[in-house]
């Protein structure tokens, strides 16, 4: 028996390509980044330091085809406020209840350790992170990145000066951290 409807080949190719794009976008998903703003160091404004780290992490993730969202842009996470910074399980629940397609939650902690000396002060930047799958809540990847060099600042360097130096120091550390995390996530 002959088929009554013949579909042109170009139409079949178009339908298959649309399906492939939809499947690919569903697989990549979105990564929601949650920051723990508890900063034990004497450097002020850890939120500014995190904002710059977030920009660097986002650049690396977007180059690998992953979309990133700060927790402040997800309505269900915003309602929970600072609670999700300290509890990644709550962040996963908030991502699960969000309207967007969040597939992974990345919890990021930034530590700046200060070392006071006689002539100068120095500090090191540490970024610690854990990625969790939204569907199952299981840990996908963990990584800790420390800045290789110790950043020295003169004794006369005030709070604003320290903040500028910390922002400069966090950028390369955040880039290395994001590159490693993307590799661990399999992208």
N, C-alpha and C. Protein backbone atom coordinates (compact mmCIF):
# COMPACT_ATOMS: atom_id res chain seq x y z
N UNK A 1 0.82 -1.18 0.00
CA UNK A 1 0.00 0.00 0.00
C UNK A 1 0.86 1.24 0.00
N UNK A 2 0.47 2.19 -0.81
CA UNK A 2 1.23 3.42 -0.89
C UNK A 2 0.76 4.39 0.18
N UNK A 3 1.71 5.17 0.67
CA UNK A 3 1.37 6.18 1.68
C UNK A 3 0.66 7.35 1.00
N UNK A 4 -0.39 7.83 1.64
CA UNK A 4 -1.16 8.94 1.07
C UNK A 4 -0.44 10.28 1.22
N UNK A 5 0.29 10.40 2.30
CA UNK A 5 0.98 11.68 2.57
C UNK A 5 2.48 11.49 2.44
N UNK A 6 3.04 12.25 1.57
CA UNK A 6 4.49 12.20 1.42
C UNK A 6 5.06 13.49 2.02
N UNK A 7 5.96 13.32 2.94
CA UNK A 7 6.58 14.48 3.58
C UNK A 7 7.89 14.76 2.86
N UNK A 8 8.08 15.99 2.41
CA UNK A 8 9.34 16.32 1.74
C UNK A 8 10.53 16.11 2.68
N UNK A 9 11.66 15.75 2.09
CA UNK A 9 12.86 15.48 2.86
C UNK A 9 13.32 16.70 3.65
N UNK A 10 13.21 17.89 3.06
CA UNK A 10 13.65 19.10 3.77
C UNK A 10 12.83 19.33 5.04
N UNK A 11 11.56 18.95 5.02
CA UNK A 11 10.70 19.09 6.20
C UNK A 11 11.14 18.13 7.30
N UNK A 12 11.52 16.91 6.93
CA UNK A 12 11.98 15.93 7.90
C UNK A 12 13.27 16.41 8.55
N UNK A 13 14.19 16.95 7.74
CA UNK A 13 15.46 17.47 8.26
C UNK A 13 15.20 18.62 9.23
N UNK A 14 14.27 19.51 8.88
CA UNK A 14 13.94 20.65 9.73
C UNK A 14 13.37 20.19 11.08
N UNK A 15 12.46 19.23 11.04
CA UNK A 15 11.86 18.71 12.28
C UNK A 15 12.92 18.05 13.16
N UNK A 16 13.80 17.26 12.54
CA UNK A 16 14.86 16.60 13.31
C UNK A 16 15.83 17.60 13.92
N UNK A 17 16.15 18.66 13.17
CA UNK A 17 17.08 19.66 13.72
C UNK A 17 16.45 20.41 14.88
N UNK A 18 15.15 20.71 14.81
CA UNK A 18 14.45 21.37 15.92
C UNK A 18 14.44 20.47 17.15
N UNK A 19 14.19 19.17 16.94
CA UNK A 19 14.21 18.22 18.05
C UNK A 19 15.60 18.13 18.67
N UNK A 20 16.63 18.13 17.84
CA UNK A 20 18.00 18.06 18.35
C UNK A 20 18.34 19.28 19.19
N UNK A 21 17.92 20.46 18.75
CA UNK A 21 18.17 21.70 19.50
C UNK A 21 17.45 21.65 20.84
N UNK A 22 16.19 21.19 20.85
CA UNK A 22 15.43 21.10 22.10
C UNK A 22 16.06 20.11 23.08
N UNK A 23 16.53 18.98 22.56
CA UNK A 23 17.17 17.98 23.42
C UNK A 23 18.47 18.54 23.98
N UNK A 24 19.25 19.22 23.14
CA UNK A 24 20.52 19.80 23.60
C UNK A 24 20.29 20.86 24.66
N UNK A 25 19.27 21.72 24.48
CA UNK A 25 19.02 22.76 25.47
C UNK A 25 18.51 22.16 26.77
N UNK A 26 17.78 21.07 26.69
CA UNK A 26 17.31 20.41 27.91
C UNK A 26 18.46 19.77 28.66
N UNK A 27 19.47 19.27 27.91
CA UNK A 27 20.60 18.64 28.56
C UNK A 27 21.53 19.65 29.21
N UNK A 28 21.74 20.81 28.56
CA UNK A 28 22.65 21.80 29.14
C UNK A 28 22.06 22.40 30.39
N UNK A 29 20.81 22.83 30.34
CA UNK A 29 20.16 23.37 31.52
C UNK A 29 20.78 24.66 32.00
N UNK A 30 20.47 25.00 33.22
CA UNK A 30 20.95 26.23 33.82
C UNK A 30 21.57 25.91 35.17
N UNK A 31 22.64 26.62 35.49
CA UNK A 31 23.31 26.45 36.77
C UNK A 31 22.97 27.65 37.64
N UNK A 32 22.36 27.40 38.80
CA UNK A 32 22.08 28.47 39.75
C UNK A 32 23.24 28.56 40.73
N UNK A 33 23.82 29.75 40.84
CA UNK A 33 24.98 29.92 41.72
C UNK A 33 24.53 30.58 43.02
N UNK A 34 24.86 29.93 44.13
CA UNK A 34 24.52 30.42 45.46
C UNK A 34 25.82 30.75 46.18
N UNK A 35 25.90 31.95 46.75
CA UNK A 35 27.12 32.37 47.44
C UNK A 35 26.92 32.38 48.93
N UNK A 36 27.93 31.93 49.65
CA UNK A 36 27.93 32.06 51.10
C UNK A 36 28.72 33.33 51.40
N UNK A 37 28.04 34.35 51.90
CA UNK A 37 28.68 35.65 52.11
C UNK A 37 29.35 35.79 53.47
N UNK A 38 29.38 34.73 54.26
CA UNK A 38 30.05 34.85 55.56
C UNK A 38 31.54 35.01 55.31
N UNK A 39 32.08 36.14 55.64
CA UNK A 39 33.48 36.42 55.34
C UNK A 39 34.26 36.58 56.64
N UNK A 40 35.11 35.62 56.99
CA UNK A 40 35.84 35.72 58.25
C UNK A 40 37.00 36.71 58.21
N UNK A 41 37.33 37.24 57.03
CA UNK A 41 38.49 38.13 56.92
C UNK A 41 38.13 39.55 57.33
N UNK A 42 39.15 40.37 57.37
CA UNK A 42 38.92 41.78 57.73
C UNK A 42 38.69 42.63 56.49
N UNK A 43 38.60 41.98 55.32
CA UNK A 43 38.33 42.74 54.09
C UNK A 43 36.83 42.98 54.00
N UNK A 44 36.41 44.22 53.83
CA UNK A 44 34.97 44.51 53.81
C UNK A 44 34.31 44.14 52.49
N UNK A 45 33.01 44.21 52.46
CA UNK A 45 32.19 44.06 51.24
C UNK A 45 32.44 42.77 50.49
N UNK A 46 32.25 41.65 51.16
CA UNK A 46 32.44 40.37 50.49
C UNK A 46 31.46 40.19 49.34
N UNK A 47 30.32 40.92 49.38
CA UNK A 47 29.36 40.80 48.27
C UNK A 47 29.95 41.35 46.98
N UNK A 48 30.76 42.41 47.06
CA UNK A 48 31.42 42.94 45.86
C UNK A 48 32.45 41.94 45.33
N UNK A 49 33.16 41.31 46.25
CA UNK A 49 34.15 40.31 45.85
C UNK A 49 33.44 39.15 45.17
N UNK A 50 32.30 38.71 45.75
CA UNK A 50 31.55 37.61 45.14
C UNK A 50 30.99 38.00 43.78
N UNK A 51 30.50 39.24 43.64
CA UNK A 51 29.95 39.68 42.35
C UNK A 51 31.00 39.55 41.25
N UNK A 52 32.22 39.95 41.55
CA UNK A 52 33.30 39.83 40.55
C UNK A 52 33.66 38.37 40.30
N UNK A 53 33.65 37.55 41.34
CA UNK A 53 33.91 36.12 41.15
C UNK A 53 32.81 35.49 40.32
N UNK A 54 31.55 35.89 40.57
CA UNK A 54 30.41 35.36 39.82
C UNK A 54 30.54 35.69 38.33
N UNK A 55 30.97 36.92 38.02
CA UNK A 55 31.15 37.31 36.61
C UNK A 55 32.19 36.42 35.93
N UNK A 56 33.29 36.15 36.63
CA UNK A 56 34.33 35.30 36.05
C UNK A 56 33.84 33.86 35.87
N UNK A 57 33.14 33.34 36.87
CA UNK A 57 32.60 31.97 36.79
C UNK A 57 31.60 31.88 35.64
N UNK A 58 30.75 32.89 35.50
CA UNK A 58 29.74 32.91 34.43
C UNK A 58 30.38 32.91 33.05
N UNK A 59 31.48 33.67 32.89
CA UNK A 59 32.17 33.72 31.59
C UNK A 59 32.63 32.32 31.18
N UNK A 60 33.26 31.63 32.12
CA UNK A 60 33.79 30.29 31.82
C UNK A 60 32.65 29.32 31.51
N UNK A 61 31.59 29.36 32.32
CA UNK A 61 30.45 28.46 32.10
C UNK A 61 29.76 28.74 30.77
N UNK A 62 29.61 30.02 30.41
CA UNK A 62 28.92 30.35 29.15
C UNK A 62 29.76 29.93 27.95
N UNK A 63 31.09 29.98 28.07
CA UNK A 63 31.95 29.50 26.97
C UNK A 63 31.75 28.01 26.73
N UNK A 64 31.37 27.29 27.78
CA UNK A 64 31.15 25.84 27.66
C UNK A 64 29.69 25.51 27.38
N UNK A 65 28.85 26.52 27.15
CA UNK A 65 27.46 26.28 26.79
C UNK A 65 26.50 26.15 27.96
N UNK A 66 26.92 26.52 29.15
CA UNK A 66 26.04 26.47 30.32
C UNK A 66 25.57 27.88 30.68
N UNK A 67 24.31 28.00 30.98
CA UNK A 67 23.76 29.29 31.40
C UNK A 67 23.81 29.38 32.92
N UNK A 68 24.19 30.53 33.45
CA UNK A 68 24.25 30.70 34.90
C UNK A 68 23.25 31.73 35.37
N UNK A 69 22.78 31.54 36.56
CA UNK A 69 21.84 32.45 37.20
C UNK A 69 22.27 32.67 38.64
N UNK A 70 22.30 33.92 39.11
CA UNK A 70 22.50 34.09 40.55
C UNK A 70 21.22 33.72 41.29
N UNK A 71 21.33 33.31 42.52
CA UNK A 71 20.16 32.90 43.29
C UNK A 71 19.16 34.05 43.44
N UNK A 72 19.65 35.29 43.37
CA UNK A 72 18.77 36.45 43.52
C UNK A 72 17.78 36.60 42.36
N UNK A 73 18.05 35.94 41.23
CA UNK A 73 17.15 36.03 40.08
C UNK A 73 16.11 34.91 40.04
N UNK A 74 16.20 33.96 40.95
CA UNK A 74 15.22 32.87 41.02
C UNK A 74 14.24 33.21 42.14
N UNK A 75 12.97 33.36 41.77
CA UNK A 75 11.95 33.84 42.72
C UNK A 75 11.84 32.97 43.96
N UNK A 76 11.82 31.66 43.78
CA UNK A 76 11.66 30.77 44.94
C UNK A 76 12.88 30.84 45.87
N UNK A 77 14.06 31.11 45.31
CA UNK A 77 15.27 31.26 46.13
C UNK A 77 15.29 32.61 46.83
N UNK A 78 14.79 33.63 46.15
CA UNK A 78 14.77 34.98 46.73
C UNK A 78 13.90 35.03 47.98
N UNK A 79 12.80 34.27 47.97
CA UNK A 79 11.90 34.25 49.13
C UNK A 79 12.60 33.69 50.37
N UNK A 80 13.51 32.75 50.17
CA UNK A 80 14.20 32.14 51.30
C UNK A 80 15.32 33.03 51.84
N UNK A 81 15.77 33.98 51.03
CA UNK A 81 16.78 34.94 51.48
C UNK A 81 18.12 34.31 51.80
N UNK A 82 18.69 34.72 52.93
CA UNK A 82 20.04 34.30 53.31
C UNK A 82 20.09 32.85 53.80
N UNK A 83 18.94 32.23 54.03
CA UNK A 83 18.93 30.84 54.53
C UNK A 83 19.60 29.89 53.54
N UNK A 84 19.39 30.13 52.23
CA UNK A 84 19.95 29.19 51.24
C UNK A 84 21.46 29.32 51.11
N UNK A 85 22.04 30.44 51.57
CA UNK A 85 23.49 30.59 51.50
C UNK A 85 24.19 29.55 52.37
N UNK A 86 23.59 29.23 53.49
CA UNK A 86 24.21 28.31 54.44
C UNK A 86 23.68 26.88 54.32
N UNK A 87 22.64 26.68 53.52
CA UNK A 87 22.03 25.36 53.39
C UNK A 87 21.79 25.05 51.91
N UNK A 88 22.69 24.29 51.34
CA UNK A 88 22.61 23.99 49.91
C UNK A 88 21.41 23.10 49.58
N UNK A 89 20.96 22.31 50.54
CA UNK A 89 19.76 21.49 50.35
C UNK A 89 18.53 22.36 50.10
N UNK A 90 18.43 23.47 50.84
CA UNK A 90 17.33 24.42 50.62
C UNK A 90 17.43 25.06 49.24
N UNK A 91 18.66 25.35 48.81
CA UNK A 91 18.86 25.94 47.48
C UNK A 91 18.42 24.98 46.39
N UNK A 92 18.70 23.69 46.58
CA UNK A 92 18.27 22.68 45.60
C UNK A 92 16.74 22.62 45.55
N UNK A 93 16.09 22.67 46.71
CA UNK A 93 14.61 22.68 46.76
C UNK A 93 14.05 23.91 46.06
N UNK A 94 14.67 25.07 46.31
CA UNK A 94 14.22 26.31 45.66
C UNK A 94 14.36 26.21 44.15
N UNK A 95 15.47 25.62 43.69
CA UNK A 95 15.69 25.46 42.24
C UNK A 95 14.68 24.48 41.65
N UNK A 96 14.35 23.45 42.41
CA UNK A 96 13.38 22.46 41.95
C UNK A 96 12.00 23.09 41.80
N UNK A 97 11.66 24.04 42.68
CA UNK A 97 10.36 24.70 42.65
C UNK A 97 10.31 25.92 41.73
N UNK A 98 11.43 26.24 41.10
CA UNK A 98 11.46 27.43 40.23
C UNK A 98 10.83 27.13 38.88
N UNK A 99 10.45 28.18 38.20
CA UNK A 99 9.84 28.02 36.87
C UNK A 99 10.88 27.76 35.80
N UNK A 100 12.09 28.27 36.01
CA UNK A 100 13.16 28.08 35.03
C UNK A 100 13.66 26.66 35.04
N UNK A 101 14.45 26.32 34.04
CA UNK A 101 15.00 24.96 33.96
C UNK A 101 16.36 24.92 34.62
N UNK A 102 16.39 24.95 35.94
CA UNK A 102 17.65 24.88 36.67
C UNK A 102 17.98 23.41 36.85
N UNK A 103 19.15 23.00 36.34
CA UNK A 103 19.53 21.59 36.42
C UNK A 103 20.55 21.34 37.52
N UNK A 104 21.34 22.36 37.85
CA UNK A 104 22.41 22.20 38.82
C UNK A 104 22.46 23.42 39.74
N UNK A 105 22.75 23.19 41.00
CA UNK A 105 22.98 24.28 41.96
C UNK A 105 24.44 24.23 42.35
N UNK A 106 25.12 25.36 42.20
CA UNK A 106 26.54 25.46 42.56
C UNK A 106 26.67 26.35 43.78
N UNK A 107 27.07 25.76 44.89
CA UNK A 107 27.30 26.53 46.12
C UNK A 107 28.74 26.98 46.15
N UNK A 108 28.96 28.28 46.30
CA UNK A 108 30.32 28.84 46.27
C UNK A 108 30.61 29.56 47.58
N UNK A 109 31.77 29.26 48.17
CA UNK A 109 32.23 29.98 49.36
C UNK A 109 33.57 30.61 49.02
N UNK A 110 33.72 31.88 49.34
CA UNK A 110 34.98 32.57 49.10
C UNK A 110 35.57 32.96 50.44
N UNK A 111 36.79 32.51 50.69
CA UNK A 111 37.48 32.84 51.92
C UNK A 111 38.71 33.67 51.58
N UNK A 112 38.97 34.67 52.39
CA UNK A 112 40.19 35.45 52.23
C UNK A 112 40.91 35.40 53.57
N UNK A 113 42.07 34.76 53.59
CA UNK A 113 42.81 34.64 54.84
C UNK A 113 43.85 35.74 54.92
N UNK A 114 43.87 36.43 56.02
CA UNK A 114 44.80 37.55 56.22
C UNK A 114 46.00 37.10 57.04
N UNK A 115 47.16 37.62 56.68
CA UNK A 115 48.39 37.36 57.42
C UNK A 115 49.02 38.72 57.69
N UNK A 116 49.07 39.11 58.93
CA UNK A 116 49.62 40.42 59.28
C UNK A 116 51.11 40.27 59.61
N UNK A 117 51.91 41.12 58.97
CA UNK A 117 53.34 41.10 59.21
C UNK A 117 53.81 42.41 59.81
N UNK A 118 55.12 42.51 60.08
CA UNK A 118 55.67 43.72 60.68
C UNK A 118 55.67 44.88 59.68
N UNK A 119 56.05 44.60 58.42
CA UNK A 119 56.15 45.67 57.42
C UNK A 119 54.97 45.70 56.47
N UNK A 120 54.39 44.54 56.20
CA UNK A 120 53.27 44.50 55.25
C UNK A 120 52.29 43.40 55.65
N UNK A 121 51.10 43.49 55.08
CA UNK A 121 50.08 42.46 55.29
C UNK A 121 49.96 41.65 54.00
N UNK A 122 49.49 40.43 54.10
CA UNK A 122 49.28 39.63 52.90
C UNK A 122 48.01 38.81 53.07
N UNK A 123 47.49 38.35 51.94
CA UNK A 123 46.28 37.53 52.01
C UNK A 123 46.28 36.51 50.88
N UNK A 124 45.49 35.48 51.07
CA UNK A 124 45.28 34.46 50.05
C UNK A 124 43.79 34.29 49.83
N UNK A 125 43.41 33.98 48.59
CA UNK A 125 42.00 33.77 48.24
C UNK A 125 41.75 32.28 48.08
N UNK A 126 40.70 31.77 48.71
CA UNK A 126 40.28 30.38 48.56
C UNK A 126 38.85 30.38 48.07
N UNK A 127 38.57 29.56 47.09
CA UNK A 127 37.19 29.38 46.63
C UNK A 127 36.86 27.90 46.76
N UNK A 128 35.80 27.63 47.48
CA UNK A 128 35.37 26.26 47.73
C UNK A 128 33.98 26.11 47.14
N UNK A 129 33.74 25.05 46.38
CA UNK A 129 32.43 24.91 45.75
C UNK A 129 31.94 23.48 45.67
N UNK A 130 30.63 23.36 45.63
CA UNK A 130 29.99 22.05 45.51
C UNK A 130 28.81 22.18 44.57
N UNK A 131 28.75 21.31 43.56
CA UNK A 131 27.63 21.31 42.61
C UNK A 131 26.71 20.14 42.92
N UNK A 132 25.40 20.44 42.98
CA UNK A 132 24.41 19.39 43.25
C UNK A 132 23.39 19.33 42.13
N UNK A 133 22.99 18.11 41.82
CA UNK A 133 21.96 17.87 40.82
C UNK A 133 20.60 18.24 41.41
N UNK A 134 19.79 18.99 40.66
CA UNK A 134 18.49 19.44 41.16
C UNK A 134 17.50 18.29 41.24
N UNK A 135 17.52 17.41 40.26
CA UNK A 135 16.54 16.32 40.21
C UNK A 135 16.69 15.36 41.39
N UNK A 136 17.92 14.94 41.67
CA UNK A 136 18.14 13.93 42.71
C UNK A 136 18.74 14.51 43.99
N UNK A 137 19.27 15.73 43.94
CA UNK A 137 19.88 16.35 45.11
C UNK A 137 21.26 15.81 45.45
N UNK A 138 21.79 14.92 44.60
CA UNK A 138 23.10 14.32 44.87
C UNK A 138 24.23 15.26 44.45
N UNK A 139 25.37 15.09 45.11
CA UNK A 139 26.55 15.89 44.79
C UNK A 139 27.11 15.44 43.45
N UNK A 140 27.27 16.41 42.53
CA UNK A 140 27.85 16.09 41.22
C UNK A 140 29.37 16.28 41.24
N UNK A 141 29.81 17.37 41.87
CA UNK A 141 31.24 17.68 41.87
C UNK A 141 31.58 18.59 43.04
N UNK A 142 32.82 18.45 43.53
CA UNK A 142 33.34 19.33 44.58
C UNK A 142 34.73 19.77 44.16
N UNK A 143 35.07 21.00 44.49
CA UNK A 143 36.42 21.47 44.17
C UNK A 143 36.79 22.64 45.07
N UNK A 144 38.06 22.71 45.42
CA UNK A 144 38.58 23.84 46.19
C UNK A 144 39.75 24.42 45.43
N UNK A 145 39.76 25.72 45.26
CA UNK A 145 40.84 26.39 44.53
C UNK A 145 41.46 27.44 45.43
N UNK A 146 42.78 27.43 45.54
CA UNK A 146 43.49 28.45 46.32
C UNK A 146 44.34 29.27 45.37
N UNK A 147 44.47 30.56 45.68
CA UNK A 147 45.36 31.37 44.85
C UNK A 147 46.79 30.91 45.14
N UNK A 148 47.56 30.74 44.08
CA UNK A 148 48.92 30.21 44.21
C UNK A 148 49.83 31.19 44.95
N UNK A 149 49.72 32.46 44.58
CA UNK A 149 50.65 33.41 45.20
C UNK A 149 49.98 34.14 46.35
N UNK A 150 50.80 34.56 47.27
CA UNK A 150 50.34 35.35 48.40
C UNK A 150 50.35 36.82 47.96
N UNK A 151 49.24 37.49 48.14
CA UNK A 151 49.13 38.88 47.70
C UNK A 151 49.54 39.80 48.85
N UNK A 152 50.61 40.57 48.61
CA UNK A 152 51.09 41.46 49.68
C UNK A 152 50.56 42.86 49.49
N UNK A 153 50.24 43.48 50.60
CA UNK A 153 49.79 44.88 50.59
C UNK A 153 50.54 45.63 51.68
N UNK A 154 50.82 46.88 51.40
CA UNK A 154 51.55 47.69 52.37
C UNK A 154 50.67 47.97 53.59
N UNK A 155 51.31 48.27 54.70
CA UNK A 155 50.59 48.52 55.96
C UNK A 155 49.61 49.68 55.83
N UNK A 156 49.96 50.67 55.00
CA UNK A 156 49.12 51.87 54.87
C UNK A 156 47.86 51.62 54.03
N UNK A 157 47.76 50.45 53.43
CA UNK A 157 46.61 50.13 52.58
C UNK A 157 45.35 50.07 53.45
N UNK A 158 44.40 50.95 53.15
CA UNK A 158 43.16 51.01 53.93
C UNK A 158 42.13 50.01 53.46
N UNK A 159 40.89 50.16 53.93
CA UNK A 159 39.83 49.21 53.60
C UNK A 159 39.50 49.21 52.10
N UNK A 160 39.42 50.39 51.48
CA UNK A 160 39.11 50.46 50.05
C UNK A 160 40.23 49.84 49.21
N UNK A 161 41.45 50.11 49.61
CA UNK A 161 42.62 49.56 48.92
C UNK A 161 42.61 48.04 49.02
N UNK A 162 42.30 47.51 50.21
CA UNK A 162 42.24 46.06 50.41
C UNK A 162 41.15 45.43 49.55
N UNK A 163 40.01 46.12 49.45
CA UNK A 163 38.91 45.62 48.64
C UNK A 163 39.31 45.54 47.17
N UNK A 164 39.98 46.59 46.67
CA UNK A 164 40.45 46.59 45.27
C UNK A 164 41.41 45.43 45.02
N UNK A 165 42.37 45.24 45.92
CA UNK A 165 43.35 44.16 45.76
C UNK A 165 42.67 42.79 45.82
N UNK A 166 41.69 42.65 46.71
CA UNK A 166 40.99 41.37 46.83
C UNK A 166 40.19 41.06 45.57
N UNK A 167 39.57 42.09 44.98
CA UNK A 167 38.81 41.90 43.74
C UNK A 167 39.75 41.48 42.61
N UNK A 168 40.93 42.11 42.53
CA UNK A 168 41.92 41.74 41.52
C UNK A 168 42.39 40.29 41.73
N UNK A 169 42.58 39.91 42.99
CA UNK A 169 43.09 38.57 43.30
C UNK A 169 42.06 37.48 43.08
N UNK A 170 40.77 37.81 43.25
CA UNK A 170 39.74 36.78 43.16
C UNK A 170 39.46 36.38 41.70
N UNK A 171 39.72 37.27 40.75
CA UNK A 171 39.39 36.98 39.35
C UNK A 171 40.13 35.76 38.79
N UNK A 172 41.48 35.70 38.87
CA UNK A 172 42.14 34.50 38.32
C UNK A 172 41.79 33.22 39.08
N UNK A 173 41.60 33.35 40.39
CA UNK A 173 41.23 32.18 41.19
C UNK A 173 39.86 31.66 40.79
N UNK A 174 38.92 32.59 40.57
CA UNK A 174 37.56 32.21 40.15
C UNK A 174 37.56 31.56 38.77
N UNK A 175 38.41 32.05 37.87
CA UNK A 175 38.51 31.47 36.53
C UNK A 175 39.02 30.03 36.61
N UNK A 176 40.07 29.81 37.41
CA UNK A 176 40.61 28.45 37.56
C UNK A 176 39.58 27.53 38.21
N UNK A 177 38.88 28.05 39.21
CA UNK A 177 37.84 27.27 39.90
C UNK A 177 36.75 26.85 38.92
N UNK A 178 36.26 27.81 38.13
CA UNK A 178 35.17 27.54 37.18
C UNK A 178 35.61 26.55 36.11
N UNK A 179 36.83 26.68 35.62
CA UNK A 179 37.35 25.76 34.60
C UNK A 179 37.38 24.33 35.14
N UNK A 180 37.85 24.18 36.36
CA UNK A 180 37.90 22.85 36.98
C UNK A 180 36.50 22.30 37.21
N UNK A 181 35.57 23.15 37.70
CA UNK A 181 34.20 22.69 37.96
C UNK A 181 33.49 22.27 36.67
N UNK A 182 33.69 23.03 35.60
CA UNK A 182 33.07 22.68 34.31
C UNK A 182 33.60 21.32 33.85
N UNK A 183 34.89 21.10 34.03
CA UNK A 183 35.48 19.80 33.68
C UNK A 183 34.90 18.67 34.51
N UNK A 184 34.71 18.92 35.81
CA UNK A 184 34.14 17.89 36.68
C UNK A 184 32.67 17.62 36.36
N UNK A 185 31.97 18.65 35.87
CA UNK A 185 30.57 18.47 35.50
C UNK A 185 30.42 17.80 34.13
N UNK A 186 31.55 17.58 33.45
CA UNK A 186 31.51 16.84 32.18
C UNK A 186 31.21 17.68 30.97
N UNK A 187 31.55 18.95 30.99
CA UNK A 187 31.31 19.83 29.84
C UNK A 187 32.62 20.20 29.20
